[in-house]
Amino acid sequence: MGTATRGDGITHSGSRRGGRPRRRRDDRSDLPAAGRLVGMTAIPESTTSSIRLRLLDHAEQRWPQLARTEVTYRGAFAYVAGVLPDGEEIPLCRLRYGGSAHSFGFAIYSAAHNRYQETALLTGYLAGSPQDALDTACTIHLPAEPS
């Protein structure tokens, strides 16, 4: 028997036992788009606002070396950068949203490797508050101790 392709993109063969459909090699309709993170929930808008305000307030209280913090979002990640008084923006860390507005995975920015590397916070935990993440990142990236 020959093969037939229906409108569903599956090649059907009458000679195959059980008559089960066989996927064509070039059919990728069930795969995610390139670069899309599968199974990772985007950070809700209410949480993005909370992160931004918590970091701004904490930086103002603990990190006078920073003029401000900048946070950008992409999928389940929040990328935190510090802006120095001269306007230079330095990447600090990445927060990974796992469903809680109170605890985030942490990755420090490595200038040597030009990427984020998952590591423990100063608290010893792999996840914590955005403020814990900022303290860890600033301790590593800024020259002086917090006041």
Protein backbone atom coordinates (compact mmCIF):
# COMPACT_ATOMS: atom_id res chain seq x y z
CA MET A 1 0.00 0.00 0.00
CA GLY A 2 1.10 3.55 -0.57
CA THR A 3 1.39 6.54 1.71
CA ALA A 4 -0.93 9.49 1.96
CA THR A 5 -0.60 12.83 3.61
CA ARG A 6 -3.71 14.35 5.09
CA GLY A 7 -4.18 18.00 5.95
CA ASP A 8 -2.89 17.29 9.49
CA GLY A 9 0.75 17.07 8.32
CA ILE A 10 1.06 13.38 9.25
CA THR A 11 2.10 10.74 6.75
CA HIS A 12 -0.23 7.75 6.93
CA SER A 13 0.86 4.40 5.61
CA GLY A 14 -1.46 1.50 4.96
CA SER A 15 1.42 -1.00 5.34
CA ARG A 16 2.18 0.00 8.92
CA ARG A 17 0.77 -2.35 11.51
CA GLY A 18 -2.08 -1.02 13.56
CA GLY A 19 -2.60 1.84 11.13
CA ARG A 20 -0.95 4.31 13.53
CA PRO A 21 0.06 7.59 11.93
CA ARG A 22 3.75 8.26 11.45
CA ARG A 23 5.15 11.79 11.66
CA ARG A 24 6.89 13.12 8.62
CA ARG A 25 10.48 14.05 9.29
CA ASP A 26 9.94 17.67 8.21
CA ASP A 27 6.83 18.22 10.37
CA ARG A 28 7.87 20.40 13.31
CA SER A 29 4.49 21.95 14.11
CA ASP A 30 4.52 20.48 17.63
CA LEU A 31 7.91 21.96 18.53
CA PRO A 32 8.35 25.37 20.19
CA ALA A 33 9.49 28.38 18.23
CA ALA A 34 13.26 28.92 18.28
CA GLY A 35 14.44 30.83 21.32
CA ARG A 36 11.16 30.40 23.20
CA LEU A 37 11.41 29.18 26.78
CA VAL A 38 9.08 26.23 27.23
CA GLY A 39 7.40 25.65 30.58
CA MET A 40 8.52 28.94 32.09
CA THR A 41 5.83 31.33 33.22
CA ALA A 42 6.29 35.00 32.44
CA ILE A 43 6.49 37.27 35.45
CA PRO A 44 3.06 38.82 36.16
CA GLU A 45 2.80 42.61 35.78
CA SER A 46 2.01 43.07 39.48
CA THR A 47 5.22 41.22 40.37
CA THR A 48 7.34 43.21 37.90
CA SER A 49 6.14 46.43 39.54
CA SER A 50 6.92 45.01 42.98
CA ILE A 51 10.43 43.92 41.95
CA ARG A 52 11.21 47.34 40.49
CA LEU A 53 10.02 49.25 43.58
CA ARG A 54 11.70 46.89 46.05
CA LEU A 55 15.03 47.18 44.24
CA LEU A 56 14.84 50.97 43.89
CA ASP A 57 14.08 51.36 47.60
CA HIS A 58 16.74 48.87 48.70
CA ALA A 59 19.44 50.38 46.48
CA GLU A 60 18.66 53.84 47.80
CA GLN A 61 19.01 52.63 51.40
CA ARG A 62 21.99 50.29 51.06
CA TRP A 63 23.94 51.09 47.90
CA PRO A 64 24.81 54.81 47.60
CA GLN A 65 27.32 53.94 44.84
CA LEU A 66 24.31 53.46 42.53
CA ALA A 67 22.37 56.36 41.09
CA ARG A 68 19.50 53.92 40.39
CA THR A 69 18.69 50.40 39.30
CA GLU A 70 17.21 49.35 35.98
CA VAL A 71 15.18 46.17 35.55
CA THR A 72 14.20 44.64 32.22
CA TYR A 73 12.02 41.59 31.77
CA ARG A 74 12.03 38.70 29.33
CA GLY A 75 9.82 35.71 29.96
CA ALA A 76 10.51 34.30 33.42
CA PHE A 77 13.61 36.45 33.90
CA ALA A 78 14.26 39.89 35.36
CA TYR A 79 17.63 41.40 34.44
CA VAL A 80 18.96 43.85 37.01
CA ALA A 81 21.51 46.54 36.11
CA GLY A 82 22.99 49.26 38.26
CA VAL A 83 23.45 52.79 36.96
CA LEU A 84 26.49 54.58 38.38
CA PRO A 85 26.50 58.35 39.07
CA ASP A 86 28.45 58.96 35.82
CA GLY A 87 25.66 57.22 33.84
CA GLU A 88 27.51 53.96 33.21
CA GLU A 89 25.13 50.99 33.36
CA ILE A 90 26.56 47.72 34.64
CA PRO A 91 24.75 44.37 34.50
CA LEU A 92 24.44 42.95 38.01
CA CYS A 93 22.28 39.84 38.08
CA ARG A 94 19.34 37.88 36.74
CA LEU A 95 16.30 36.82 38.75
CA ARG A 96 14.37 33.70 37.70
CA TYR A 97 10.66 33.68 38.49
CA GLY A 98 9.39 30.38 39.81
CA GLY A 99 5.82 31.31 40.69
CA SER A 100 6.43 33.26 43.91
CA ALA A 101 6.72 37.02 44.19
CA HIS A 102 8.94 36.57 47.25
CA SER A 103 11.63 34.11 46.16
CA PHE A 104 13.58 34.11 42.89
CA GLY A 105 16.39 32.02 41.46
CA PHE A 106 19.65 33.95 41.23
CA ALA A 107 22.39 34.23 38.63
CA ILE A 108 25.28 36.68 38.87
CA TYR A 109 26.54 38.50 35.78
CA SER A 110 30.07 37.47 34.85
CA ALA A 111 31.87 40.12 32.81
CA ALA A 112 34.71 37.66 32.16
CA HIS A 113 32.32 35.23 30.43
CA ASN A 114 29.76 37.83 29.29
CA ARG A 115 26.90 35.74 30.67
CA TYR A 116 24.86 35.02 33.79
CA GLN A 117 25.96 32.16 36.03
CA GLU A 118 23.66 30.56 38.57
CA THR A 119 25.19 30.69 42.03
CA ALA A 120 24.27 30.97 45.69
CA LEU A 121 23.30 34.23 47.33
CA LEU A 122 25.27 35.62 50.27
CA THR A 123 22.60 34.00 52.44
CA GLY A 124 23.82 30.61 51.21
CA TYR A 125 20.57 29.82 49.42
CA LEU A 126 20.09 29.40 45.66
CA ALA A 127 16.93 31.52 45.76
CA GLY A 128 15.83 34.55 47.72
CA SER A 129 14.33 38.00 47.61
CA PRO A 130 15.25 40.59 44.99
CA GLN A 131 16.92 42.55 47.81
CA ASP A 132 19.12 39.54 48.68
CA ALA A 133 20.06 39.29 45.01
CA LEU A 134 20.93 42.98 44.83
CA ASP A 135 23.10 42.75 47.97
CA THR A 136 24.97 39.76 46.57
CA ALA A 137 25.49 41.32 43.13
CA CYS A 138 26.56 44.71 44.49
CA THR A 139 28.98 43.11 46.96
CA ILE A 140 30.68 41.46 43.99
CA HIS A 141 30.42 44.21 41.38
CA LEU A 142 30.78 47.46 43.34
CA PRO A 143 34.08 48.57 44.85
CA ALA A 144 33.02 49.61 48.37
CA GLU A 145 31.00 47.97 51.13
CA PRO A 146 27.40 49.12 51.66
CA SER A 147 26.90 51.90 54.18
